[in-house]
mmCIF file of all heavy atoms, coordinates in Angstrom:
data_MODEL
# 
_entry.id   MODEL 
# 
loop_
_atom_site.group_PDB 
_atom_site.id 
_atom_site.type_symbol 
_atom_site.label_atom_id 
_atom_site.label_alt_id 
_atom_site.label_comp_id 
_atom_site.label_asym_id 
_atom_site.label_entity_id 
_atom_site.label_seq_id 
_atom_site.pdbx_PDB_ins_code 
_atom_site.Cartn_x 
_atom_site.Cartn_y 
_atom_site.Cartn_z 
_atom_site.occupancy 
_atom_site.B_iso_or_equiv 
_atom_site.pdbx_formal_charge 
_atom_site.auth_seq_id 
_atom_site.auth_comp_id 
_atom_site.auth_asym_id 
_atom_site.auth_atom_id 
_atom_site.pdbx_PDB_model_num 
ATOM 1   N N   . PHE A 1 1  ? 107.031 113.854 116.704 1.00 0.00 ? 1  PHE A N   1 
ATOM 2   C CA  . PHE A 1 1  ? 106.366 114.890 115.920 1.00 0.00 ? 1  PHE A CA  1 
ATOM 3   C C   . PHE A 1 1  ? 105.867 116.003 116.833 1.00 0.00 ? 1  PHE A C   1 
ATOM 4   O O   . PHE A 1 1  ? 106.088 117.183 116.579 1.00 0.00 ? 1  PHE A O   1 
ATOM 5   C CB  . PHE A 1 1  ? 105.201 114.257 115.143 1.00 0.00 ? 1  PHE A CB  1 
ATOM 6   C CG  . PHE A 1 1  ? 104.465 115.196 114.243 1.00 0.00 ? 1  PHE A CG  1 
ATOM 7   C CD1 . PHE A 1 1  ? 105.059 115.665 113.079 1.00 0.00 ? 1  PHE A CD1 1 
ATOM 8   C CD2 . PHE A 1 1  ? 103.174 115.603 114.544 1.00 0.00 ? 1  PHE A CD2 1 
ATOM 9   C CE1 . PHE A 1 1  ? 104.376 116.529 112.234 1.00 0.00 ? 1  PHE A CE1 1 
ATOM 10  C CE2 . PHE A 1 1  ? 102.483 116.467 113.701 1.00 0.00 ? 1  PHE A CE2 1 
ATOM 11  C CZ  . PHE A 1 1  ? 103.087 116.932 112.545 1.00 0.00 ? 1  PHE A CZ  1 
ATOM 12  N N   . THR A 1 2  ? 105.177 115.622 117.914 1.00 0.00 ? 2  THR A N   1 
ATOM 13  C CA  . THR A 1 2  ? 104.724 116.583 118.910 1.00 0.00 ? 2  THR A CA  1 
ATOM 14  C C   . THR A 1 2  ? 104.474 115.866 120.222 1.00 0.00 ? 2  THR A C   1 
ATOM 15  O O   . THR A 1 2  ? 104.196 114.668 120.241 1.00 0.00 ? 2  THR A O   1 
ATOM 16  C CB  . THR A 1 2  ? 103.430 117.305 118.459 1.00 0.00 ? 2  THR A CB  1 
ATOM 17  O OG1 . THR A 1 2  ? 103.018 118.218 119.479 1.00 0.00 ? 2  THR A OG1 1 
ATOM 18  C CG2 . THR A 1 2  ? 102.306 116.318 118.205 1.00 0.00 ? 2  THR A CG2 1 
ATOM 19  N N   . LEU A 1 3  ? 104.592 116.600 121.313 1.00 0.00 ? 3  LEU A N   1 
ATOM 20  C CA  . LEU A 1 3  ? 104.266 116.048 122.626 1.00 0.00 ? 3  LEU A CA  1 
ATOM 21  C C   . LEU A 1 3  ? 102.789 116.229 122.945 1.00 0.00 ? 3  LEU A C   1 
ATOM 22  O O   . LEU A 1 3  ? 102.300 115.740 123.961 1.00 0.00 ? 3  LEU A O   1 
ATOM 23  C CB  . LEU A 1 3  ? 105.093 116.717 123.724 1.00 0.00 ? 3  LEU A CB  1 
ATOM 24  C CG  . LEU A 1 3  ? 106.486 116.142 123.983 1.00 0.00 ? 3  LEU A CG  1 
ATOM 25  C CD1 . LEU A 1 3  ? 107.423 116.473 122.833 1.00 0.00 ? 3  LEU A CD1 1 
ATOM 26  C CD2 . LEU A 1 3  ? 107.057 116.674 125.300 1.00 0.00 ? 3  LEU A CD2 1 
ATOM 27  N N   . GLY A 1 4  ? 102.075 116.946 122.094 1.00 0.00 ? 4  GLY A N   1 
ATOM 28  C CA  . GLY A 1 4  ? 100.684 117.269 122.358 1.00 0.00 ? 4  GLY A CA  1 
ATOM 29  C C   . GLY A 1 4  ? 99.734  116.109 122.098 1.00 0.00 ? 4  GLY A C   1 
ATOM 30  O O   . GLY A 1 4  ? 100.151 114.987 121.788 1.00 0.00 ? 4  GLY A O   1 
ATOM 31  N N   . ASN A 1 5  ? 98.436  116.407 122.191 1.00 0.00 ? 5  ASN A N   1 
ATOM 32  C CA  . ASN A 1 5  ? 97.423  115.392 121.966 1.00 0.00 ? 5  ASN A CA  1 
ATOM 33  C C   . ASN A 1 5  ? 97.072  115.308 120.471 1.00 0.00 ? 5  ASN A C   1 
ATOM 34  O O   . ASN A 1 5  ? 97.694  115.977 119.640 1.00 0.00 ? 5  ASN A O   1 
ATOM 35  C CB  . ASN A 1 5  ? 96.176  115.685 122.809 1.00 0.00 ? 5  ASN A CB  1 
ATOM 36  C CG  . ASN A 1 5  ? 95.592  117.061 122.534 1.00 0.00 ? 5  ASN A CG  1 
ATOM 37  O OD1 . ASN A 1 5  ? 95.838  117.661 121.484 1.00 0.00 ? 5  ASN A OD1 1 
ATOM 38  N ND2 . ASN A 1 5  ? 94.799  117.585 123.468 1.00 0.00 ? 5  ASN A ND2 1 
ATOM 39  N N   . LEU A 1 6  ? 96.055  114.518 120.162 1.00 0.00 ? 6  LEU A N   1 
ATOM 40  C CA  . LEU A 1 6  ? 95.676  114.320 118.769 1.00 0.00 ? 6  LEU A CA  1 
ATOM 41  C C   . LEU A 1 6  ? 95.232  115.617 118.110 1.00 0.00 ? 6  LEU A C   1 
ATOM 42  O O   . LEU A 1 6  ? 95.579  115.890 116.957 1.00 0.00 ? 6  LEU A O   1 
ATOM 43  C CB  . LEU A 1 6  ? 94.556  113.281 118.675 1.00 0.00 ? 6  LEU A CB  1 
ATOM 44  C CG  . LEU A 1 6  ? 94.059  112.983 117.256 1.00 0.00 ? 6  LEU A CG  1 
ATOM 45  C CD1 . LEU A 1 6  ? 95.151  112.394 116.392 1.00 0.00 ? 6  LEU A CD1 1 
ATOM 46  C CD2 . LEU A 1 6  ? 92.858  112.035 117.310 1.00 0.00 ? 6  LEU A CD2 1 
ATOM 47  N N   . ASP A 1 7  ? 94.492  116.432 118.826 1.00 0.00 ? 7  ASP A N   1 
ATOM 48  C CA  . ASP A 1 7  ? 94.038  117.709 118.264 1.00 0.00 ? 7  ASP A CA  1 
ATOM 49  C C   . ASP A 1 7  ? 95.222  118.587 117.876 1.00 0.00 ? 7  ASP A C   1 
ATOM 50  O O   . ASP A 1 7  ? 95.227  119.223 116.815 1.00 0.00 ? 7  ASP A O   1 
ATOM 51  C CB  . ASP A 1 7  ? 93.141  118.449 119.252 1.00 0.00 ? 7  ASP A CB  1 
ATOM 52  C CG  . ASP A 1 7  ? 91.769  117.807 119.386 1.00 0.00 ? 7  ASP A CG  1 
ATOM 53  O OD1 . ASP A 1 7  ? 91.367  117.089 118.458 1.00 0.00 ? 7  ASP A OD1 1 
ATOM 54  O OD2 . ASP A 1 7  ? 91.114  118.023 120.426 1.00 0.00 ? 7  ASP A OD2 1 
ATOM 55  N N   . MET A 1 8  ? 96.235  118.625 118.748 1.00 0.00 ? 8  MET A N   1 
ATOM 56  C CA  . MET A 1 8  ? 97.406  119.437 118.446 1.00 0.00 ? 8  MET A CA  1 
ATOM 57  C C   . MET A 1 8  ? 98.171  118.866 117.251 1.00 0.00 ? 8  MET A C   1 
ATOM 58  O O   . MET A 1 8  ? 98.575  119.613 116.344 1.00 0.00 ? 8  MET A O   1 
ATOM 59  C CB  . MET A 1 8  ? 98.335  119.520 119.653 1.00 0.00 ? 8  MET A CB  1 
ATOM 60  C CG  . MET A 1 8  ? 99.595  120.350 119.400 1.00 0.00 ? 8  MET A CG  1 
ATOM 61  S SD  . MET A 1 8  ? 100.701 120.471 120.814 1.00 0.00 ? 8  MET A SD  1 
ATOM 62  C CE  . MET A 1 8  ? 99.792  121.650 121.825 1.00 0.00 ? 8  MET A CE  1 
ATOM 63  N N   . ALA A 1 9  ? 98.339  117.550 117.241 1.00 0.00 ? 9  ALA A N   1 
ATOM 64  C CA  . ALA A 1 9  ? 99.045  116.923 116.127 1.00 0.00 ? 9  ALA A CA  1 
ATOM 65  C C   . ALA A 1 9  ? 98.337  117.202 114.812 1.00 0.00 ? 9  ALA A C   1 
ATOM 66  O O   . ALA A 1 9  ? 98.959  117.550 113.797 1.00 0.00 ? 9  ALA A O   1 
ATOM 67  C CB  . ALA A 1 9  ? 99.164  115.421 116.355 1.00 0.00 ? 9  ALA A CB  1 
ATOM 68  N N   . GLU A 1 10 ? 97.018  117.066 114.834 1.00 0.00 ? 10 GLU A N   1 
ATOM 69  C CA  . GLU A 1 10 ? 96.227  117.300 113.633 1.00 0.00 ? 10 GLU A CA  1 
ATOM 70  C C   . GLU A 1 10 ? 96.346  118.747 113.155 1.00 0.00 ? 10 GLU A C   1 
ATOM 71  O O   . GLU A 1 10 ? 96.424  119.013 111.959 1.00 0.00 ? 10 GLU A O   1 
ATOM 72  C CB  . GLU A 1 10 ? 94.770  116.950 113.887 1.00 0.00 ? 10 GLU A CB  1 
ATOM 73  C CG  . GLU A 1 10 ? 93.902  116.988 112.647 1.00 0.00 ? 10 GLU A CG  1 
ATOM 74  C CD  . GLU A 1 10 ? 92.466  116.599 112.954 1.00 0.00 ? 10 GLU A CD  1 
ATOM 75  O OE1 . GLU A 1 10 ? 91.891  117.181 113.892 1.00 0.00 ? 10 GLU A OE1 1 
ATOM 76  O OE2 . GLU A 1 10 ? 91.950  115.721 112.275 1.00 0.00 ? 10 GLU A OE2 1 
ATOM 77  N N   . SER A 1 11 ? 96.388  119.670 114.095 1.00 0.00 ? 11 SER A N   1 
ATOM 78  C CA  . SER A 1 11 ? 96.492  121.091 113.725 1.00 0.00 ? 11 SER A CA  1 
ATOM 79  C C   . SER A 1 11 ? 97.793  121.373 112.995 1.00 0.00 ? 11 SER A C   1 
ATOM 80  O O   . SER A 1 11 ? 97.869  122.306 112.180 1.00 0.00 ? 11 SER A O   1 
ATOM 81  C CB  . SER A 1 11 ? 96.384  121.971 114.975 1.00 0.00 ? 11 SER A CB  1 
ATOM 82  O OG  . SER A 1 11 ? 97.550  121.882 115.776 1.00 0.00 ? 11 SER A OG  1 
ATOM 83  N N   . TYR A 1 12 ? 98.826  120.555 113.270 1.00 0.00 ? 12 TYR A N   1 
ATOM 84  C CA  . TYR A 1 12 ? 100.110 120.742 112.596 1.00 0.00 ? 12 TYR A CA  1 
ATOM 85  C C   . TYR A 1 12 ? 100.147 120.015 111.256 1.00 0.00 ? 12 TYR A C   1 
ATOM 86  O O   . TYR A 1 12 ? 100.482 120.608 110.225 1.00 0.00 ? 12 TYR A O   1 
ATOM 87  C CB  . TYR A 1 12 ? 101.262 120.275 113.489 1.00 0.00 ? 12 TYR A CB  1 
ATOM 88  C CG  . TYR A 1 12 ? 101.544 121.216 114.632 1.00 0.00 ? 12 TYR A CG  1 
ATOM 89  C CD1 . TYR A 1 12 ? 101.348 120.820 115.960 1.00 0.00 ? 12 TYR A CD1 1 
ATOM 90  C CD2 . TYR A 1 12 ? 101.996 122.515 114.394 1.00 0.00 ? 12 TYR A CD2 1 
ATOM 91  C CE1 . TYR A 1 12 ? 101.600 121.682 117.016 1.00 0.00 ? 12 TYR A CE1 1 
ATOM 92  C CE2 . TYR A 1 12 ? 102.255 123.387 115.444 1.00 0.00 ? 12 TYR A CE2 1 
ATOM 93  C CZ  . TYR A 1 12 ? 102.047 122.974 116.747 1.00 0.00 ? 12 TYR A CZ  1 
ATOM 94  O OH  . TYR A 1 12 ? 102.293 123.842 117.787 1.00 0.00 ? 12 TYR A OH  1 
ATOM 95  N N   . TYR A 1 13 ? 99.813  118.719 111.228 1.00 0.00 ? 13 TYR A N   1 
ATOM 96  C CA  . TYR A 1 13 ? 100.015 118.010 109.974 1.00 0.00 ? 13 TYR A CA  1 
ATOM 97  C C   . TYR A 1 13 ? 98.988  118.398 108.920 1.00 0.00 ? 13 TYR A C   1 
ATOM 98  O O   . TYR A 1 13 ? 99.199  118.152 107.739 1.00 0.00 ? 13 TYR A O   1 
ATOM 99  C CB  . TYR A 1 13 ? 100.142 116.493 110.149 1.00 0.00 ? 13 TYR A CB  1 
ATOM 100 C CG  . TYR A 1 13 ? 98.941  115.711 110.633 1.00 0.00 ? 13 TYR A CG  1 
ATOM 101 C CD1 . TYR A 1 13 ? 97.794  115.570 109.866 1.00 0.00 ? 13 TYR A CD1 1 
ATOM 102 C CD2 . TYR A 1 13 ? 99.010  115.030 111.842 1.00 0.00 ? 13 TYR A CD2 1 
ATOM 103 C CE1 . TYR A 1 13 ? 96.729  114.821 110.305 1.00 0.00 ? 13 TYR A CE1 1 
ATOM 104 C CE2 . TYR A 1 13 ? 97.940  114.272 112.296 1.00 0.00 ? 13 TYR A CE2 1 
ATOM 105 C CZ  . TYR A 1 13 ? 96.807  114.163 111.516 1.00 0.00 ? 13 TYR A CZ  1 
ATOM 106 O OH  . TYR A 1 13 ? 95.751  113.410 111.953 1.00 0.00 ? 13 TYR A OH  1 
ATOM 107 N N   . GLN A 1 14 ? 97.903  119.036 109.313 1.00 0.00 ? 14 GLN A N   1 
ATOM 108 C CA  . GLN A 1 14 ? 96.977  119.566 108.310 1.00 0.00 ? 14 GLN A CA  1 
ATOM 109 C C   . GLN A 1 14 ? 97.618  120.731 107.537 1.00 0.00 ? 14 GLN A C   1 
ATOM 110 O O   . GLN A 1 14 ? 97.177  121.076 106.439 1.00 0.00 ? 14 GLN A O   1 
ATOM 111 C CB  . GLN A 1 14 ? 95.683  120.048 108.973 1.00 0.00 ? 14 GLN A CB  1 
ATOM 112 C CG  . GLN A 1 14 ? 94.783  118.925 109.468 1.00 0.00 ? 14 GLN A CG  1 
ATOM 113 C CD  . GLN A 1 14 ? 94.056  118.206 108.333 1.00 0.00 ? 14 GLN A CD  1 
ATOM 114 O OE1 . GLN A 1 14 ? 94.176  118.586 107.178 1.00 0.00 ? 14 GLN A OE1 1 
ATOM 115 N NE2 . GLN A 1 14 ? 93.308  117.186 108.663 1.00 0.00 ? 14 GLN A NE2 1 
ATOM 116 N N   . LYS A 1 15 ? 98.640  121.341 108.103 1.00 0.00 ? 15 LYS A N   1 
ATOM 117 C CA  . LYS A 1 15 ? 99.315  122.465 107.457 1.00 0.00 ? 15 LYS A CA  1 
ATOM 118 C C   . LYS A 1 15 ? 100.486 122.020 106.597 1.00 0.00 ? 15 LYS A C   1 
ATOM 119 O O   . LYS A 1 15 ? 101.097 122.858 105.906 1.00 0.00 ? 15 LYS A O   1 
ATOM 120 C CB  . LYS A 1 15 ? 99.828  123.447 108.523 1.00 0.00 ? 15 LYS A CB  1 
ATOM 121 C CG  . LYS A 1 15 ? 98.736  124.074 109.370 1.00 0.00 ? 15 LYS A CG  1 
ATOM 122 C CD  . LYS A 1 15 ? 99.337  124.914 110.483 1.00 0.00 ? 15 LYS A CD  1 
ATOM 123 C CE  . LYS A 1 15 ? 98.250  125.479 111.396 1.00 0.00 ? 15 LYS A CE  1 
ATOM 124 N NZ  . LYS A 1 15 ? 98.828  126.228 112.536 1.00 0.00 ? 15 LYS A NZ  1 
ATOM 125 N N   . LEU A 1 16 ? 100.806 120.741 106.631 1.00 0.00 ? 16 LEU A N   1 
ATOM 126 C CA  . LEU A 1 16 ? 102.001 120.248 105.957 1.00 0.00 ? 16 LEU A CA  1 
ATOM 127 C C   . LEU A 1 16 ? 101.667 119.577 104.629 1.00 0.00 ? 16 LEU A C   1 
ATOM 128 O O   . LEU A 1 16 ? 100.754 118.745 104.553 1.00 0.00 ? 16 LEU A O   1 
ATOM 129 C CB  . LEU A 1 16 ? 102.732 119.245 106.855 1.00 0.00 ? 16 LEU A CB  1 
ATOM 130 C CG  . LEU A 1 16 ? 103.210 119.763 108.208 1.00 0.00 ? 16 LEU A CG  1 
ATOM 131 C CD1 . LEU A 1 16 ? 103.776 118.615 109.041 1.00 0.00 ? 16 LEU A CD1 1 
ATOM 132 C CD2 . LEU A 1 16 ? 104.263 120.864 108.030 1.00 0.00 ? 16 LEU A CD2 1 
ATOM 133 N N   . ASN A 1 17 ? 102.420 119.897 103.609 1.00 0.00 ? 17 ASN A N   1 
ATOM 134 C CA  . ASN A 1 17 ? 102.278 119.217 102.328 1.00 0.00 ? 17 ASN A CA  1 
ATOM 135 C C   . ASN A 1 17 ? 102.735 117.768 102.450 1.00 0.00 ? 17 ASN A C   1 
ATOM 136 O O   . ASN A 1 17 ? 103.575 117.430 103.286 1.00 0.00 ? 17 ASN A O   1 
ATOM 137 C CB  . ASN A 1 17 ? 103.125 119.910 101.249 1.00 0.00 ? 17 ASN A CB  1 
ATOM 138 C CG  . ASN A 1 17 ? 102.653 121.305 100.930 1.00 0.00 ? 17 ASN A CG  1 
ATOM 139 O OD1 . ASN A 1 17 ? 101.522 121.683 101.222 1.00 0.00 ? 17 ASN A OD1 1 
ATOM 140 N ND2 . ASN A 1 17 ? 103.532 122.093 100.304 1.00 0.00 ? 17 ASN A ND2 1 
ATOM 141 N N   . GLY A 1 18 ? 102.198 116.929 101.567 1.00 0.00 ? 18 GLY A N   1 
ATOM 142 C CA  . GLY A 1 18 ? 102.685 115.556 101.479 1.00 0.00 ? 18 GLY A CA  1 
ATOM 143 C C   . GLY A 1 18 ? 101.757 114.530 102.082 1.00 0.00 ? 18 GLY A C   1 
ATOM 144 O O   . GLY A 1 18 ? 100.763 114.840 102.741 1.00 0.00 ? 18 GLY A O   1 
ATOM 145 N N   . CYS A 1 19 ? 102.085 113.282 101.815 1.00 0.00 ? 19 CYS A N   1 
ATOM 146 C CA  . CYS A 1 19 ? 101.415 112.118 102.405 1.00 0.00 ? 19 CYS A CA  1 
ATOM 147 C C   . CYS A 1 19 ? 102.330 111.592 103.503 1.00 0.00 ? 19 CYS A C   1 
ATOM 148 O O   . CYS A 1 19 ? 103.495 111.264 103.244 1.00 0.00 ? 19 CYS A O   1 
ATOM 149 C CB  . CYS A 1 19 ? 101.176 111.057 101.340 1.00 0.00 ? 19 CYS A CB  1 
ATOM 150 S SG  . CYS A 1 19 ? 100.318 109.592 101.948 1.00 0.00 ? 19 CYS A SG  1 
ATOM 151 N N   . HIS A 1 20 ? 101.829 111.500 104.717 1.00 0.00 ? 20 HIS A N   1 
ATOM 152 C CA  . HIS A 1 20 ? 102.692 111.305 105.890 1.00 0.00 ? 20 HIS A CA  1 
ATOM 153 C C   . HIS A 1 20 ? 102.578 109.904 106.486 1.00 0.00 ? 20 HIS A C   1 
ATOM 154 O O   . HIS A 1 20 ? 101.482 109.372 106.632 1.00 0.00 ? 20 HIS A O   1 
ATOM 155 C CB  . HIS A 1 20 ? 102.343 112.337 106.960 1.00 0.00 ? 20 HIS A CB  1 
ATOM 156 C CG  . HIS A 1 20 ? 102.439 113.752 106.470 1.00 0.00 ? 20 HIS A CG  1 
ATOM 157 N ND1 . HIS A 1 20 ? 103.594 114.474 106.523 1.00 0.00 ? 20 HIS A ND1 1 
ATOM 158 C CD2 . HIS A 1 20 ? 101.523 114.564 105.879 1.00 0.00 ? 20 HIS A CD2 1 
ATOM 159 C CE1 . HIS A 1 20 ? 103.394 115.676 105.999 1.00 0.00 ? 20 HIS A CE1 1 
ATOM 160 N NE2 . HIS A 1 20 ? 102.137 115.739 105.597 1.00 0.00 ? 20 HIS A NE2 1 
ATOM 161 N N   . PHE A 1 21 ? 103.740 109.362 106.835 1.00 0.00 ? 21 PHE A N   1 
ATOM 162 C CA  . PHE A 1 21 ? 103.825 108.097 107.553 1.00 0.00 ? 21 PHE A CA  1 
ATOM 163 C C   . PHE A 1 21 ? 104.597 108.345 108.847 1.00 0.00 ? 21 PHE A C   1 
ATOM 164 O O   . PHE A 1 21 ? 105.704 108.885 108.811 1.00 0.00 ? 21 PHE A O   1 
ATOM 165 C CB  . PHE A 1 21 ? 104.529 107.028 106.713 1.00 0.00 ? 21 PHE A CB  1 
ATOM 166 C CG  . PHE A 1 21 ? 103.756 106.626 105.495 1.00 0.00 ? 21 PHE A CG  1 
ATOM 167 C CD1 . PHE A 1 21 ? 103.887 107.345 104.311 1.00 0.00 ? 21 PHE A CD1 1 
ATOM 168 C CD2 . PHE A 1 21 ? 102.879 105.549 105.527 1.00 0.00 ? 21 PHE A CD2 1 
ATOM 169 C CE1 . PHE A 1 21 ? 103.164 106.981 103.177 1.00 0.00 ? 21 PHE A CE1 1 
ATOM 170 C CE2 . PHE A 1 21 ? 102.156 105.190 104.402 1.00 0.00 ? 21 PHE A CE2 1 
ATOM 171 C CZ  . PHE A 1 21 ? 102.295 105.896 103.225 1.00 0.00 ? 21 PHE A CZ  1 
ATOM 172 N N   . PHE A 1 22 ? 104.015 107.951 109.967 1.00 0.00 ? 22 PHE A N   1 
ATOM 173 C CA  . PHE A 1 22 ? 104.592 108.258 111.273 1.00 0.00 ? 22 PHE A CA  1 
ATOM 174 C C   . PHE A 1 22 ? 105.116 106.991 111.963 1.00 0.00 ? 22 PHE A C   1 
ATOM 175 O O   . PHE A 1 22 ? 104.423 105.981 112.028 1.00 0.00 ? 22 PHE A O   1 
ATOM 176 C CB  . PHE A 1 22 ? 103.562 108.928 112.181 1.00 0.00 ? 22 PHE A CB  1 
ATOM 177 C CG  . PHE A 1 22 ? 103.123 110.276 111.704 1.00 0.00 ? 22 PHE A CG  1 
ATOM 178 C CD1 . PHE A 1 22 ? 101.967 110.421 110.932 1.00 0.00 ? 22 PHE A CD1 1 
ATOM 179 C CD2 . PHE A 1 22 ? 103.839 111.419 112.025 1.00 0.00 ? 22 PHE A CD2 1 
ATOM 180 C CE1 . PHE A 1 22 ? 101.558 111.660 110.495 1.00 0.00 ? 22 PHE A CE1 1 
ATOM 181 C CE2 . PHE A 1 22 ? 103.426 112.665 111.594 1.00 0.00 ? 22 PHE A CE2 1 
ATOM 182 C CZ  . PHE A 1 22 ? 102.288 112.792 110.825 1.00 0.00 ? 22 PHE A CZ  1 
ATOM 183 N N   . LEU A 1 23 ? 106.324 107.083 112.493 1.00 0.00 ? 23 LEU A N   1 
ATOM 184 C CA  . LEU A 1 23 ? 106.884 106.053 113.352 1.00 0.00 ? 23 LEU A CA  1 
ATOM 185 C C   . LEU A 1 23 ? 106.774 106.506 114.797 1.00 0.00 ? 23 LEU A C   1 
ATOM 186 O O   . LEU A 1 23 ? 106.730 107.706 115.086 1.00 0.00 ? 23 LEU A O   1 
ATOM 187 C CB  . LEU A 1 23 ? 108.359 105.778 113.023 1.00 0.00 ? 23 LEU A CB  1 
ATOM 188 C CG  . LEU A 1 23 ? 108.648 104.814 111.864 1.00 0.00 ? 23 LEU A CG  1 
ATOM 189 C CD1 . LEU A 1 23 ? 108.324 105.455 110.530 1.00 0.00 ? 23 LEU A CD1 1 
ATOM 190 C CD2 . LEU A 1 23 ? 110.107 104.359 111.905 1.00 0.00 ? 23 LEU A CD2 1 
ATOM 191 N N   . GLN A 1 24 ? 106.779 105.542 115.702 1.00 0.00 ? 24 GLN A N   1 
ATOM 192 C CA  . GLN A 1 24 ? 106.719 105.838 117.122 1.00 0.00 ? 24 GLN A CA  1 
ATOM 193 C C   . GLN A 1 24 ? 108.044 106.435 117.586 1.00 0.00 ? 24 GLN A C   1 
ATOM 194 O O   . GLN A 1 24 ? 109.116 105.940 117.239 1.00 0.00 ? 24 GLN A O   1 
ATOM 195 C CB  . GLN A 1 24 ? 106.437 104.571 117.912 1.00 0.00 ? 24 GLN A CB  1 
ATOM 196 C CG  . GLN A 1 24 ? 106.336 104.760 119.414 1.00 0.00 ? 24 GLN A CG  1 
ATOM 197 C CD  . GLN A 1 24 ? 105.074 105.508 119.793 1.00 0.00 ? 24 GLN A CD  1 
ATOM 198 O OE1 . GLN A 1 24 ? 103.980 105.132 119.400 1.00 0.00 ? 24 GLN A OE1 1 
ATOM 199 N NE2 . GLN A 1 24 ? 105.222 106.543 120.576 1.00 0.00 ? 24 GLN A NE2 1 
ATOM 200 N N   . GLY A 1 25 ? 107.954 107.508 118.347 1.00 0.00 ? 25 GLY A N   1 
ATOM 201 C CA  . GLY A 1 25 ? 109.142 108.100 118.939 1.00 0.00 ? 25 GLY A CA  1 
ATOM 202 C C   . GLY A 1 25 ? 109.078 108.026 120.456 1.00 0.00 ? 25 GLY A C   1 
ATOM 203 O O   . GLY A 1 25 ? 108.367 107.184 121.021 1.00 0.00 ? 25 GLY A O   1 
ATOM 204 N N   . SER A 1 26 ? 109.792 108.911 121.115 1.00 0.00 ? 26 SER A N   1 
ATOM 205 C CA  . SER A 1 26 ? 109.821 108.925 122.582 1.00 0.00 ? 26 SER A CA  1 
ATOM 206 C C   . SER A 1 26 ? 108.607 109.614 123.178 1.00 0.00 ? 26 SER A C   1 
ATOM 207 O O   . SER A 1 26 ? 108.230 109.332 124.314 1.00 0.00 ? 26 SER A O   1 
ATOM 208 C CB  . SER A 1 26 ? 111.080 109.644 123.076 1.00 0.00 ? 26 SER A CB  1 
ATOM 209 O OG  . SER A 1 26 ? 112.231 109.113 122.496 1.00 0.00 ? 26 SER A OG  1 
ATOM 210 N N   . HIS A 1 27 ? 107.991 110.539 122.426 1.00 0.00 ? 27 HIS A N   1 
ATOM 211 C CA  . HIS A 1 27 ? 106.963 111.402 123.000 1.00 0.00 ? 27 HIS A CA  1 
ATOM 212 C C   . HIS A 1 27 ? 105.640 111.396 122.247 1.00 0.00 ? 27 HIS A C   1 
ATOM 213 O O   . HIS A 1 27 ? 104.790 112.229 122.517 1.00 0.00 ? 27 HIS A O   1 
ATOM 214 C CB  . HIS A 1 27 ? 107.482 112.854 123.048 1.00 0.00 ? 27 HIS A CB  1 
ATOM 215 C CG  . HIS A 1 27 ? 108.772 113.016 123.778 1.00 0.00 ? 27 HIS A CG  1 
ATOM 216 N ND1 . HIS A 1 27 ? 108.877 112.835 125.146 1.00 0.00 ? 27 HIS A ND1 1 
ATOM 217 C CD2 . HIS A 1 27 ? 110.019 113.326 123.349 1.00 0.00 ? 27 HIS A CD2 1 
ATOM 218 C CE1 . HIS A 1 27 ? 110.133 113.043 125.505 1.00 0.00 ? 27 HIS A CE1 1 
ATOM 219 N NE2 . HIS A 1 27 ? 110.844 113.347 124.444 1.00 0.00 ? 27 HIS A NE2 1 
ATOM 220 N N   . ASP A 1 28 ? 105.501 110.483 121.303 1.00 0.00 ? 28 ASP A N   1 
ATOM 221 C CA  . ASP A 1 28 ? 104.293 110.496 120.467 1.00 0.00 ? 28 ASP A CA  1 
ATOM 222 C C   . ASP A 1 28 ? 103.137 109.774 121.157 1.00 0.00 ? 28 ASP A C   1 
ATOM 223 O O   . ASP A 1 28 ? 102.819 108.630 120.841 1.00 0.00 ? 28 ASP A O   1 
ATOM 224 C CB  . ASP A 1 28 ? 104.588 109.848 119.108 1.00 0.00 ? 28 ASP A CB  1 
ATOM 225 C CG  . ASP A 1 28 ? 105.621 110.637 118.320 1.00 0.00 ? 28 ASP A CG  1 
ATOM 226 O OD1 . ASP A 1 28 ? 105.344 111.788 117.976 1.00 0.00 ? 28 ASP A OD1 1 
ATOM 227 O OD2 . ASP A 1 28 ? 106.708 110.096 118.073 1.00 0.00 ? 28 ASP A OD2 1 
ATOM 228 N N   . ARG A 1 29 ? 102.493 110.489 122.059 1.00 0.00 ? 29 ARG A N   1 
ATOM 229 C CA  . ARG A 1 29 ? 101.357 109.913 122.791 1.00 0.00 ? 29 ARG A CA  1 
ATOM 230 C C   . ARG A 1 29 ? 100.035 110.207 122.087 1.00 0.00 ? 29 ARG A C   1 
ATOM 231 O O   . ARG A 1 29 ? 98.986  109.820 122.575 1.00 0.00 ? 29 ARG A O   1 
ATOM 232 C CB  . ARG A 1 29 ? 101.327 110.460 124.220 1.00 0.00 ? 29 ARG A CB  1 
ATOM 233 C CG  . ARG A 1 29 ? 102.634 110.209 124.981 1.00 0.00 ? 29 ARG A CG  1 
ATOM 234 C CD  . ARG A 1 29 ? 102.585 110.769 126.388 1.00 0.00 ? 29 ARG A CD  1 
ATOM 235 N NE  . ARG A 1 29 ? 103.853 110.578 127.065 1.00 0.00 ? 29 ARG A NE  1 
ATOM 236 C CZ  . ARG A 1 29 ? 104.832 111.463 127.092 1.00 0.00 ? 29 ARG A CZ  1 
ATOM 237 N NH1 . ARG A 1 29 ? 104.678 112.625 126.476 1.00 0.00 ? 29 ARG A NH1 1 
ATOM 238 N NH2 . ARG A 1 29 ? 105.973 111.222 127.729 1.00 0.00 ? 29 ARG A NH2 1 
# 
């Protein structure tokens, strides 16, 4: 989803419609 930290991730998914479920990827720290 993003290589950034939690703050960065939150800044993005707060802008997205829907109810989100995340799987682990290569860069999701």
